[in-house]
């Protein structure tokens, strides 16, 4: 907006100067101070000044029209026949404009047109501090939303976790959560308690205990180098970005959910205080998973997670699973049922629960090579979707442009400690794994 105001001020000053020059020259002509030979030269100079002043006004008016169109798009109804048409037909089309706007070798008119369209996207999608000369532009709102949705959807775990969007004026998530570490009377749900009471009798009041939770947004970066040949094909560029970038963002989000350190990134369940590690069985060989481990993990799963938890495992664990069985008399029944196996199930199952194999699961023999995981007990926040910027300088000598994508998010388990059960001594949790078997 400041740039637009300055452009208008410059155009007004140019016309004011032009008016002064015209009046002075008309007076000079009236006073016959110009020789006939000089008159043609002065008229030509006057005409050139007029053209320059007119161009400044035209530029200002174009910018005003762009701003008005952006404001109209931002304020138009979002449904029905009045829905505004998107500025770009595809993500590739917009990325080509980003490249044009940032290319100093492009013609002035090409750059102005590209900047105008990109500026409309910035205004329609919300406030932005992107600087056109540095190539900082928001992805068109529907494309950005699609990228963000696909990034979460392509992840195995991120698509199922408990998501909270962060509003425009916030930079994180803060809340008081019930501090529940035990299911004993007086401790459930942070201390909420009810009693049986006789008629006209009173009961002891209870005070609920809360645990403050603060989650600041972290930033996930993605980089893509695009050759000039690729930048000439909007369809190919759209396909590449829409497929591979969401998949990589989804992979990283899943990795954070399991393995995040909590320092500059989300906190993963394997590094959280909520994780329960069951001991290996006596005499168990190194780097193995046996049926006794599966029984122990299932035993220490929180009761509230019984209907929603599933198994996560490294694929290298599958040979051990395939050989497991539950002895029944002189025979036995399989514990692990592969997809489309004997039971004709559409997904592989272990001990009656779905099992998902993931690259991000720990190596065989380490904590997290197989575990029970309840996605409802992991919270994720994000803000603003995926945003982009471009640089023509990073890979200049390779004739490539660099696209940068950022995604602001955070994640952590809802609980920070395992639960002591109402009856019994074994700790329970929504996240249970086997201790290392070195």
Protein backbone atom coordinates (compact mmCIF):
# COMPACT_ATOMS: atom_id res chain seq x y z
CA UNK A 1 0.00 0.00 0.00
CA UNK A 2 2.91 2.41 0.77
CA UNK A 3 4.37 1.70 -2.69
CA UNK A 4 1.02 2.52 -4.27
CA UNK A 5 0.72 5.80 -2.32
CA UNK A 6 4.22 6.83 -3.41
CA UNK A 7 3.38 6.01 -7.03
CA UNK A 8 0.29 8.24 -6.87
CA UNK A 9 2.26 11.06 -5.22
CA UNK A 10 4.95 10.84 -7.91
CA UNK A 11 2.32 10.97 -10.67
CA UNK A 12 0.66 14.02 -9.09
CA UNK A 13 4.01 15.77 -8.80
CA UNK A 14 4.86 14.90 -12.42
CA UNK A 15 1.65 16.52 -13.65
CA UNK A 16 2.17 19.53 -11.40
CA UNK A 17 5.67 20.01 -12.83
CA UNK A 18 4.28 19.54 -16.31
CA UNK A 19 1.62 22.19 -15.72
CA UNK A 20 4.23 24.64 -14.45
CA UNK A 21 6.43 23.98 -17.48
CA UNK A 22 3.50 24.45 -19.88
CA UNK A 23 2.52 27.76 -18.28
CA UNK A 24 6.11 29.03 -18.37
CA UNK A 25 6.58 28.04 -21.97
CA UNK A 26 3.25 29.51 -23.08
CA UNK A 27 4.25 32.78 -21.41
CA UNK A 28 7.60 32.65 -23.18
CA UNK A 29 5.89 32.09 -26.51
CA UNK A 30 3.50 34.99 -25.85
CA UNK A 31 6.50 37.20 -25.03
CA UNK A 32 8.08 36.13 -28.35
CA UNK A 33 11.18 35.03 -26.40
CA UNK A 34 11.55 31.91 -28.56
CA UNK A 35 13.12 32.15 -31.96
CA UNK A 36 11.16 30.31 -34.72
CA UNK A 37 14.00 27.76 -34.99
CA UNK A 38 13.75 26.90 -31.28
CA UNK A 39 9.97 26.53 -31.23
CA UNK A 40 9.87 23.03 -32.79
CA UNK A 41 12.47 21.72 -30.32
CA UNK A 42 10.53 23.12 -27.34
CA UNK A 43 7.26 21.61 -28.54
CA UNK A 44 8.93 18.18 -28.92
CA UNK A 45 10.35 18.43 -25.38
CA UNK A 46 6.93 19.45 -24.06
CA UNK A 47 5.33 16.44 -25.79
CA UNK A 48 7.91 14.06 -24.27
CA UNK A 49 7.27 15.47 -20.80
CA UNK A 50 3.55 14.95 -21.27
CA UNK A 51 4.05 11.30 -22.34
CA UNK A 52 6.24 10.63 -19.27
CA UNK A 53 3.71 12.20 -16.91
CA UNK A 54 0.85 10.32 -18.53
CA UNK A 55 2.73 6.99 -18.10
CA UNK A 56 3.13 7.63 -14.37
CA UNK A 57 -0.60 8.21 -14.05
CA UNK A 58 -1.38 5.09 -16.11
CA UNK A 59 0.91 3.00 -13.88
CA UNK A 60 -0.81 4.37 -10.79
CA UNK A 61 -4.25 3.62 -12.21
CA UNK A 62 -3.24 0.07 -13.09
CA UNK A 63 -2.07 -0.50 -9.51
CA UNK A 64 -5.32 0.96 -8.18
CA UNK A 65 -7.34 -1.35 -10.44
CA UNK A 66 -5.31 -4.32 -9.22
CA UNK A 67 -5.96 -3.39 -5.59
CA UNK A 68 -9.66 -2.86 -6.22
CA UNK A 69 -9.94 -6.23 -7.94
CA UNK A 70 -8.08 -7.92 -5.06
CA UNK A 71 -10.33 -6.26 -2.48
CA UNK A 72 -13.40 -7.34 -4.43
CA UNK A 73 -12.13 -10.91 -4.62
CA UNK A 74 -11.37 -10.99 -0.90
CA UNK A 75 -14.79 -9.66 0.06
CA UNK A 76 -16.93 -11.53 -2.46
CA UNK A 77 -19.30 -14.30 -1.29
CA UNK A 78 -17.65 -17.74 -1.22
CA UNK A 79 -20.50 -19.78 -2.69
CA UNK A 80 -23.04 -19.85 -5.49
CA UNK A 81 -22.71 -18.07 -8.81
CA UNK A 82 -21.04 -15.05 -7.21
CA UNK A 83 -17.91 -16.97 -6.26
CA UNK A 84 -14.84 -15.15 -7.69
CA UNK A 85 -12.95 -16.90 -10.43
CA UNK A 86 -9.42 -17.95 -9.41
CA UNK A 87 -6.66 -15.80 -10.86
CA UNK A 88 -4.69 -18.87 -11.95
CA UNK A 89 -6.03 -22.00 -13.56
CA UNK A 90 -3.30 -24.20 -12.08
CA UNK A 91 -0.44 -24.07 -9.61
CA UNK A 92 2.02 -24.38 -12.49
CA UNK A 93 0.59 -21.21 -14.07
CA UNK A 94 1.20 -19.29 -10.86
CA UNK A 95 4.76 -20.61 -10.48
CA UNK A 96 5.50 -19.46 -14.02
CA UNK A 97 4.34 -15.95 -13.03
CA UNK A 98 6.60 -16.08 -9.97
CA UNK A 99 9.48 -16.91 -12.29
CA UNK A 100 8.56 -14.11 -14.72
CA UNK A 101 8.23 -11.52 -11.95
CA UNK A 102 11.64 -12.45 -10.54
CA UNK A 103 13.50 -12.62 -13.86
CA UNK A 104 15.46 -9.40 -14.56
CA UNK A 105 15.90 -10.45 -18.20
CA UNK A 106 12.14 -10.51 -18.84
CA UNK A 107 10.54 -7.50 -20.56
CA UNK A 108 9.17 -4.75 -18.34
CA UNK A 109 5.59 -5.36 -19.48
CA UNK A 110 5.87 -9.11 -18.78
CA UNK A 111 7.16 -8.47 -15.26
CA UNK A 112 4.52 -5.81 -14.54
CA UNK A 113 1.70 -8.12 -15.65
CA UNK A 114 3.06 -11.01 -13.58
CA UNK A 115 3.56 -8.82 -10.49
CA UNK A 116 0.03 -7.46 -10.89
CA UNK A 117 -1.52 -10.92 -10.90
CA UNK A 118 0.64 -12.13 -8.00
CA UNK A 119 -0.19 -9.00 -6.00
CA UNK A 120 -3.87 -9.81 -6.44
CA UNK A 121 -3.27 -13.27 -5.02
CA UNK A 122 -1.45 -11.80 -2.01
CA UNK A 123 -4.31 -9.44 -1.24
CA UNK A 124 -7.02 -12.04 -1.80
CA UNK A 125 -5.31 -14.65 0.38
CA UNK A 126 -4.55 -12.34 3.29
CA UNK A 127 -1.84 -10.02 4.54
CA UNK A 128 1.66 -10.76 3.32
CA UNK A 129 5.06 -9.21 3.80
CA UNK A 130 6.33 -10.69 0.55
CA UNK A 131 8.56 -8.30 -1.41
CA UNK A 132 8.00 -8.52 -5.18
CA UNK A 133 11.65 -7.73 -5.98
CA UNK A 134 12.72 -10.69 -3.81
CA UNK A 135 10.17 -13.09 -5.24
CA UNK A 136 8.11 -13.52 -2.07
CA UNK A 137 4.56 -14.53 -3.02
CA UNK A 138 1.78 -16.53 -1.45
CA UNK A 139 0.42 -19.54 -3.26
CA UNK A 140 -3.11 -18.87 -4.54
CA UNK A 141 -5.47 -19.71 -1.69
CA UNK A 142 -7.10 -22.79 -3.21
CA UNK A 143 -3.73 -24.20 -4.36
CA UNK A 144 -2.14 -23.54 -0.96
CA UNK A 145 -5.05 -25.23 0.78
CA UNK A 146 -4.77 -28.20 -1.57
CA UNK A 147 -1.04 -28.54 -0.92
CA UNK A 148 -1.55 -28.34 2.85
CA UNK A 149 -4.40 -30.87 2.75
CA UNK A 150 -2.43 -33.25 0.54
CA UNK A 151 0.67 -32.91 2.71
CA UNK A 152 -1.32 -34.11 5.72
CA UNK A 153 -3.30 -36.69 3.75
CA UNK A 154 -0.21 -38.32 2.21
CA UNK A 155 1.17 -38.95 5.67
CA UNK A 156 0.11 -42.21 7.29
CA UNK A 157 -0.18 -40.78 10.81
CA UNK A 158 -0.67 -37.05 10.22
CA UNK A 159 -4.01 -37.64 8.50
CA UNK A 160 -5.41 -39.33 11.60
CA UNK A 161 -4.13 -37.12 14.42
CA UNK A 162 -6.16 -34.51 16.31
CA UNK A 163 -5.78 -31.28 14.27
CA UNK A 164 -6.28 -27.70 15.51
CA UNK A 165 -5.96 -24.79 13.01
CA UNK A 166 -4.32 -21.65 14.39
CA UNK A 167 -6.03 -18.29 13.73
CA UNK A 168 -4.45 -15.38 11.88
CA UNK A 169 -3.63 -13.40 15.04
CA UNK A 170 -2.02 -16.28 16.94
CA UNK A 171 1.46 -17.75 16.80
CA UNK A 172 0.78 -20.93 18.73
CA UNK A 173 -1.61 -22.84 20.94
CA UNK A 174 -2.05 -22.46 24.69
CA UNK A 175 -4.57 -24.28 26.85
CA UNK A 176 -5.14 -25.69 30.31
CA UNK A 177 -5.62 -29.44 30.04
CA UNK A 178 -6.81 -31.80 32.74
CA UNK A 179 -3.78 -33.16 34.58
CA UNK A 180 -4.60 -36.85 34.86
CA UNK A 181 -1.80 -39.26 35.82
CA UNK A 182 -3.86 -41.77 37.78
CA UNK A 183 -7.27 -43.42 37.53
CA UNK A 184 -7.61 -43.75 41.30
CA UNK A 185 -10.52 -42.06 43.10
CA UNK A 186 -9.82 -38.35 43.44
CA UNK A 187 -7.34 -38.36 40.52
CA UNK A 188 -9.46 -39.18 37.48
CA UNK A 189 -9.88 -36.31 35.00
CA UNK A 190 -7.58 -34.08 37.05
CA UNK A 191 -9.35 -34.61 40.35
CA UNK A 192 -13.04 -34.63 39.45
CA UNK A 193 -14.90 -36.87 41.89
CA UNK A 194 -18.50 -37.87 42.61
CA UNK A 195 -19.95 -39.61 45.67
CA UNK A 196 -22.95 -41.53 46.87
CA UNK A 197 -24.61 -39.39 49.52
CA UNK A 198 -27.48 -39.91 51.95
CA UNK A 199 -30.49 -37.60 51.87
CA UNK A 200 -29.69 -34.08 53.14
CA UNK A 201 -26.00 -35.02 53.50
CA UNK A 202 -23.11 -33.16 51.96
CA UNK A 203 -19.94 -34.36 50.21
CA UNK A 204 -16.35 -33.20 50.10
CA UNK A 205 -15.68 -30.60 47.40
CA UNK A 206 -12.95 -31.36 44.90
CA UNK A 207 -10.60 -29.07 43.00
CA UNK A 208 -9.73 -29.93 39.44
CA UNK A 209 -6.03 -29.93 38.59
CA UNK A 210 -4.97 -28.47 35.25
CA UNK A 211 -1.73 -28.70 33.28
CA UNK A 212 -0.79 -25.68 31.12
CA UNK A 213 0.19 -26.62 27.57
CA UNK A 214 1.99 -24.22 25.21
CA UNK A 215 2.79 -25.07 21.59
CA UNK A 216 4.71 -22.59 19.46
CA UNK A 217 4.63 -22.93 15.69
CA UNK A 218 7.69 -24.45 14.03
CA UNK A 219 8.63 -24.11 10.37
CA UNK A 220 9.10 -26.98 7.95
CA UNK A 221 11.11 -26.05 4.82
CA UNK A 222 11.02 -27.57 1.36
CA UNK A 223 13.23 -26.68 -1.62
CA UNK A 224 12.83 -27.50 -5.31
CA UNK A 225 15.19 -26.63 -8.15
CA UNK A 226 13.39 -26.10 -11.45
CA UNK A 227 15.22 -25.89 -14.78
CA UNK A 228 14.20 -23.26 -17.31
CA UNK A 229 12.94 -26.12 -19.51
CA UNK A 230 10.58 -27.27 -16.75
CA UNK A 231 9.45 -23.70 -16.11
CA UNK A 232 8.20 -23.56 -19.69
CA UNK A 233 5.73 -26.39 -19.01
CA UNK A 234 3.05 -25.38 -16.49
CA UNK A 235 1.35 -28.78 -16.64
CA UNK A 236 4.51 -30.71 -15.76
CA UNK A 237 5.39 -28.23 -13.02
CA UNK A 238 1.91 -28.55 -11.49
CA UNK A 239 2.08 -32.34 -11.52
CA UNK A 240 5.53 -32.40 -9.94
CA UNK A 241 4.70 -29.97 -7.14
CA UNK A 242 1.22 -31.39 -6.41
CA UNK A 243 2.56 -34.94 -6.09
CA UNK A 244 6.08 -34.93 -4.69
CA UNK A 245 6.02 -31.98 -2.33
CA UNK A 246 2.94 -33.10 -0.39
CA UNK A 247 4.43 -36.59 -0.15
CA UNK A 248 7.70 -35.26 1.28
CA UNK A 249 5.93 -32.94 3.73
CA UNK A 250 3.70 -35.86 4.76
CA UNK A 251 6.73 -38.11 5.28
CA UNK A 252 8.45 -35.52 7.48
CA UNK A 253 5.31 -34.93 9.54
CA UNK A 254 4.98 -38.66 10.20
CA UNK A 255 8.65 -38.81 11.16
CA UNK A 256 8.13 -35.96 13.63
CA UNK A 257 5.05 -37.64 15.14
CA UNK A 258 7.16 -40.71 15.96
CA UNK A 259 10.70 -39.37 16.37
CA UNK A 260 10.52 -35.58 16.81
CA UNK A 261 12.90 -34.19 19.45
CA UNK A 262 10.68 -31.27 20.50
CA UNK A 263 13.58 -28.84 19.90
CA UNK A 264 12.72 -26.67 16.88
CA UNK A 265 10.26 -29.33 15.76
CA UNK A 266 7.30 -31.29 17.08
CA UNK A 267 7.68 -33.76 19.96
CA UNK A 268 7.44 -37.40 18.88
CA UNK A 269 5.85 -40.11 20.99
CA UNK A 270 9.14 -42.06 21.25
CA UNK A 271 10.76 -39.06 22.97
CA UNK A 272 7.79 -38.09 25.11
CA UNK A 273 7.06 -38.78 28.75
CA UNK A 274 3.81 -40.47 27.74
CA UNK A 275 5.53 -43.51 26.19
CA UNK A 276 5.41 -46.81 28.07
CA UNK A 277 8.25 -49.26 27.35
CA UNK A 278 7.54 -52.88 28.21
CA UNK A 279 10.50 -55.04 29.16
CA UNK A 280 11.75 -57.77 26.87
CA UNK A 281 11.04 -61.34 27.94
CA UNK A 282 13.63 -63.28 29.94
CA UNK A 283 16.03 -65.06 27.61
CA UNK A 284 14.74 -63.24 24.55
CA UNK A 285 17.30 -63.05 21.73
CA UNK A 286 18.62 -59.72 20.49
CA UNK A 287 16.74 -57.93 17.69
CA UNK A 288 13.68 -60.17 17.86
CA UNK A 289 9.94 -59.69 18.37
CA UNK A 290 8.07 -62.55 20.01
CA UNK A 291 4.44 -63.18 20.82
CA UNK A 292 5.08 -62.44 24.50
CA UNK A 293 6.06 -58.87 23.53
CA UNK A 294 2.77 -58.41 21.68
CA UNK A 295 0.79 -59.59 24.72
CA UNK A 296 2.74 -57.25 27.03
CA UNK A 297 2.25 -54.21 24.76
CA UNK A 298 -1.48 -54.82 24.46
CA UNK A 299 -1.79 -55.27 28.22
CA UNK A 300 -0.38 -51.82 28.96
CA UNK A 301 -2.47 -49.94 26.40
CA UNK A 302 -4.78 -47.36 28.00
CA UNK A 303 -8.36 -48.62 28.12
CA UNK A 304 -9.64 -45.43 26.46
CA UNK A 305 -7.43 -46.18 23.43
CA UNK A 306 -8.64 -49.75 23.01
CA UNK A 307 -10.97 -48.95 20.10
CA UNK A 308 -8.73 -46.50 18.22
CA UNK A 309 -5.12 -47.70 18.64
CA UNK A 310 -3.32 -49.66 15.92
CA UNK A 311 0.10 -51.22 15.41
CA UNK A 312 3.01 -49.38 13.81
CA UNK A 313 5.97 -51.51 12.76
CA UNK A 314 9.15 -51.46 10.73
CA UNK A 315 8.84 -53.80 7.74
CA UNK A 316 11.87 -55.78 8.96
CA UNK A 317 9.71 -57.01 11.86
CA UNK A 318 7.27 -58.82 9.53
CA UNK A 319 9.22 -62.11 9.30
CA UNK A 320 8.95 -62.44 13.09
CA UNK A 321 5.22 -61.66 12.95
CA UNK A 322 4.58 -64.21 10.21
CA UNK A 323 5.99 -67.00 12.40
CA UNK A 324 3.92 -66.14 15.49
CA UNK A 325 1.03 -68.32 16.58
CA UNK A 326 -1.15 -68.87 19.63
CA UNK A 327 -1.02 -72.44 20.92
CA UNK A 328 -4.41 -74.11 21.25
CA UNK A 329 -4.25 -77.72 22.47
CA UNK A 330 -1.94 -79.62 20.16
CA UNK A 331 -2.33 -77.07 17.38
CA UNK A 332 -2.48 -73.30 17.14
CA UNK A 333 -3.93 -70.26 15.40
CA UNK A 334 -2.03 -67.46 13.67
CA UNK A 335 -1.53 -64.19 15.52
CA UNK A 336 -0.64 -62.20 12.42
CA UNK A 337 -2.95 -62.18 9.39
CA UNK A 338 -1.47 -60.62 6.22
CA UNK A 339 -3.65 -58.54 3.94
CA UNK A 340 -5.92 -60.68 1.74
CA UNK A 341 -4.65 -63.67 3.67
CA UNK A 342 -6.47 -66.62 5.11
CA UNK A 343 -9.17 -64.45 6.65
CA UNK A 344 -9.71 -62.48 3.43
CA UNK A 345 -9.22 -59.17 5.23
CA UNK A 346 -8.41 -55.99 3.25
CA UNK A 347 -5.62 -55.00 5.70
CA UNK A 348 -2.99 -56.84 7.68
CA UNK A 349 -3.84 -57.46 11.34
CA UNK A 350 -1.96 -58.42 14.48
CA UNK A 351 -3.72 -59.66 17.59
CA UNK A 352 -7.01 -58.32 16.25
CA UNK A 353 -5.71 -54.83 15.39
CA UNK A 354 -4.67 -53.21 12.11
CA UNK A 355 -0.93 -53.07 11.55
CA UNK A 356 0.78 -50.38 9.46
CA UNK A 357 4.39 -50.75 8.33
CA UNK A 358 6.34 -47.50 8.09
CA UNK A 359 9.87 -46.44 7.17
CA UNK A 360 9.86 -44.02 10.09
CA UNK A 361 9.43 -46.83 12.64
CA UNK A 362 12.66 -47.71 14.47
CA UNK A 363 15.07 -50.37 13.23
CA UNK A 364 14.42 -53.90 14.40
CA UNK A 365 15.51 -54.36 18.00
CA UNK A 366 15.22 -50.68 18.94
CA UNK A 367 12.42 -48.99 20.89
CA UNK A 368 9.63 -48.26 18.40
CA UNK A 369 10.28 -51.09 15.93
CA UNK A 370 6.73 -52.19 16.80
CA UNK A 371 4.29 -50.29 19.00
CA UNK A 372 0.65 -49.46 19.65
CA UNK A 373 -0.31 -45.91 18.69
CA UNK A 374 -3.55 -43.98 19.32
CA UNK A 375 -3.80 -41.04 16.84
CA UNK A 376 -6.57 -39.40 18.88
CA UNK A 377 -4.02 -38.79 21.63
CA UNK A 378 -1.59 -36.82 19.44
CA UNK A 379 -2.36 -33.14 18.80
CA UNK A 380 -1.20 -31.18 15.74
CA UNK A 381 -1.52 -27.46 15.05
CA UNK A 382 -0.83 -25.57 11.82
CA UNK A 383 -1.31 -22.09 10.39
CA UNK A 384 -1.78 -20.53 6.99
CA UNK A 385 -1.11 -23.56 4.83
CA UNK A 386 1.98 -23.97 2.68
CA UNK A 387 3.58 -20.76 1.39
CA UNK A 388 6.21 -20.23 -1.30
CA UNK A 389 8.97 -17.91 -2.50
CA UNK A 390 11.44 -18.08 -5.38
CA UNK A 391 15.07 -17.16 -6.06
CA UNK A 392 16.81 -16.98 -9.44
CA UNK A 393 20.24 -16.64 -7.82
CA UNK A 394 20.82 -19.80 -5.76
CA UNK A 395 21.29 -22.09 -8.80
CA UNK A 396 22.00 -19.34 -11.36
CA UNK A 397 25.06 -21.05 -12.88
CA UNK A 398 23.00 -24.20 -13.48
CA UNK A 399 20.23 -22.31 -15.30
CA UNK A 400 17.76 -23.22 -12.54
CA UNK A 401 15.39 -21.38 -10.26
CA UNK A 402 14.82 -22.31 -6.61
CA UNK A 403 11.33 -22.57 -5.14
CA UNK A 404 11.07 -22.52 -1.35
CA UNK A 405 8.03 -23.88 0.49
CA UNK A 406 7.32 -23.37 4.19
CA UNK A 407 4.75 -24.96 6.48
CA UNK A 408 4.18 -23.76 10.06
CA UNK A 409 3.10 -26.49 12.43
CA UNK A 410 3.71 -28.23 15.76
CA UNK A 411 2.71 -31.50 17.36
CA UNK A 412 2.91 -33.36 20.67
CA UNK A 413 1.14 -36.10 22.65
CA UNK A 414 -1.85 -34.88 24.65
CA UNK A 415 -0.48 -36.63 27.74
CA UNK A 416 2.92 -36.07 29.31
CA UNK A 417 2.94 -39.12 31.62
CA UNK A 418 1.60 -42.68 31.65
CA UNK A 419 -1.50 -43.50 33.69
CA UNK A 420 -1.68 -45.50 36.90
CA UNK A 421 -4.78 -47.70 36.52
CA UNK A 422 -7.74 -47.68 38.89
CA UNK A 423 -6.93 -51.26 39.81
CA UNK A 424 -3.62 -52.89 39.05
CA UNK A 425 -0.02 -51.72 39.03
CA UNK A 426 1.08 -51.71 35.38
CA UNK A 427 1.32 -48.24 33.84
CA UNK A 428 -0.99 -47.58 30.88
CA UNK A 429 -0.60 -45.25 27.89
CA UNK A 430 -1.97 -44.55 24.39
CA UNK A 431 1.62 -45.21 23.18
CA UNK A 432 3.29 -48.52 24.12
CA UNK A 433 6.50 -50.04 22.72
CA UNK A 434 9.06 -52.74 23.60
CA UNK A 435 12.32 -51.77 25.29
CA UNK A 436 15.50 -52.19 23.23
CA UNK A 437 16.63 -55.78 22.65
CA UNK A 438 20.37 -55.47 22.07
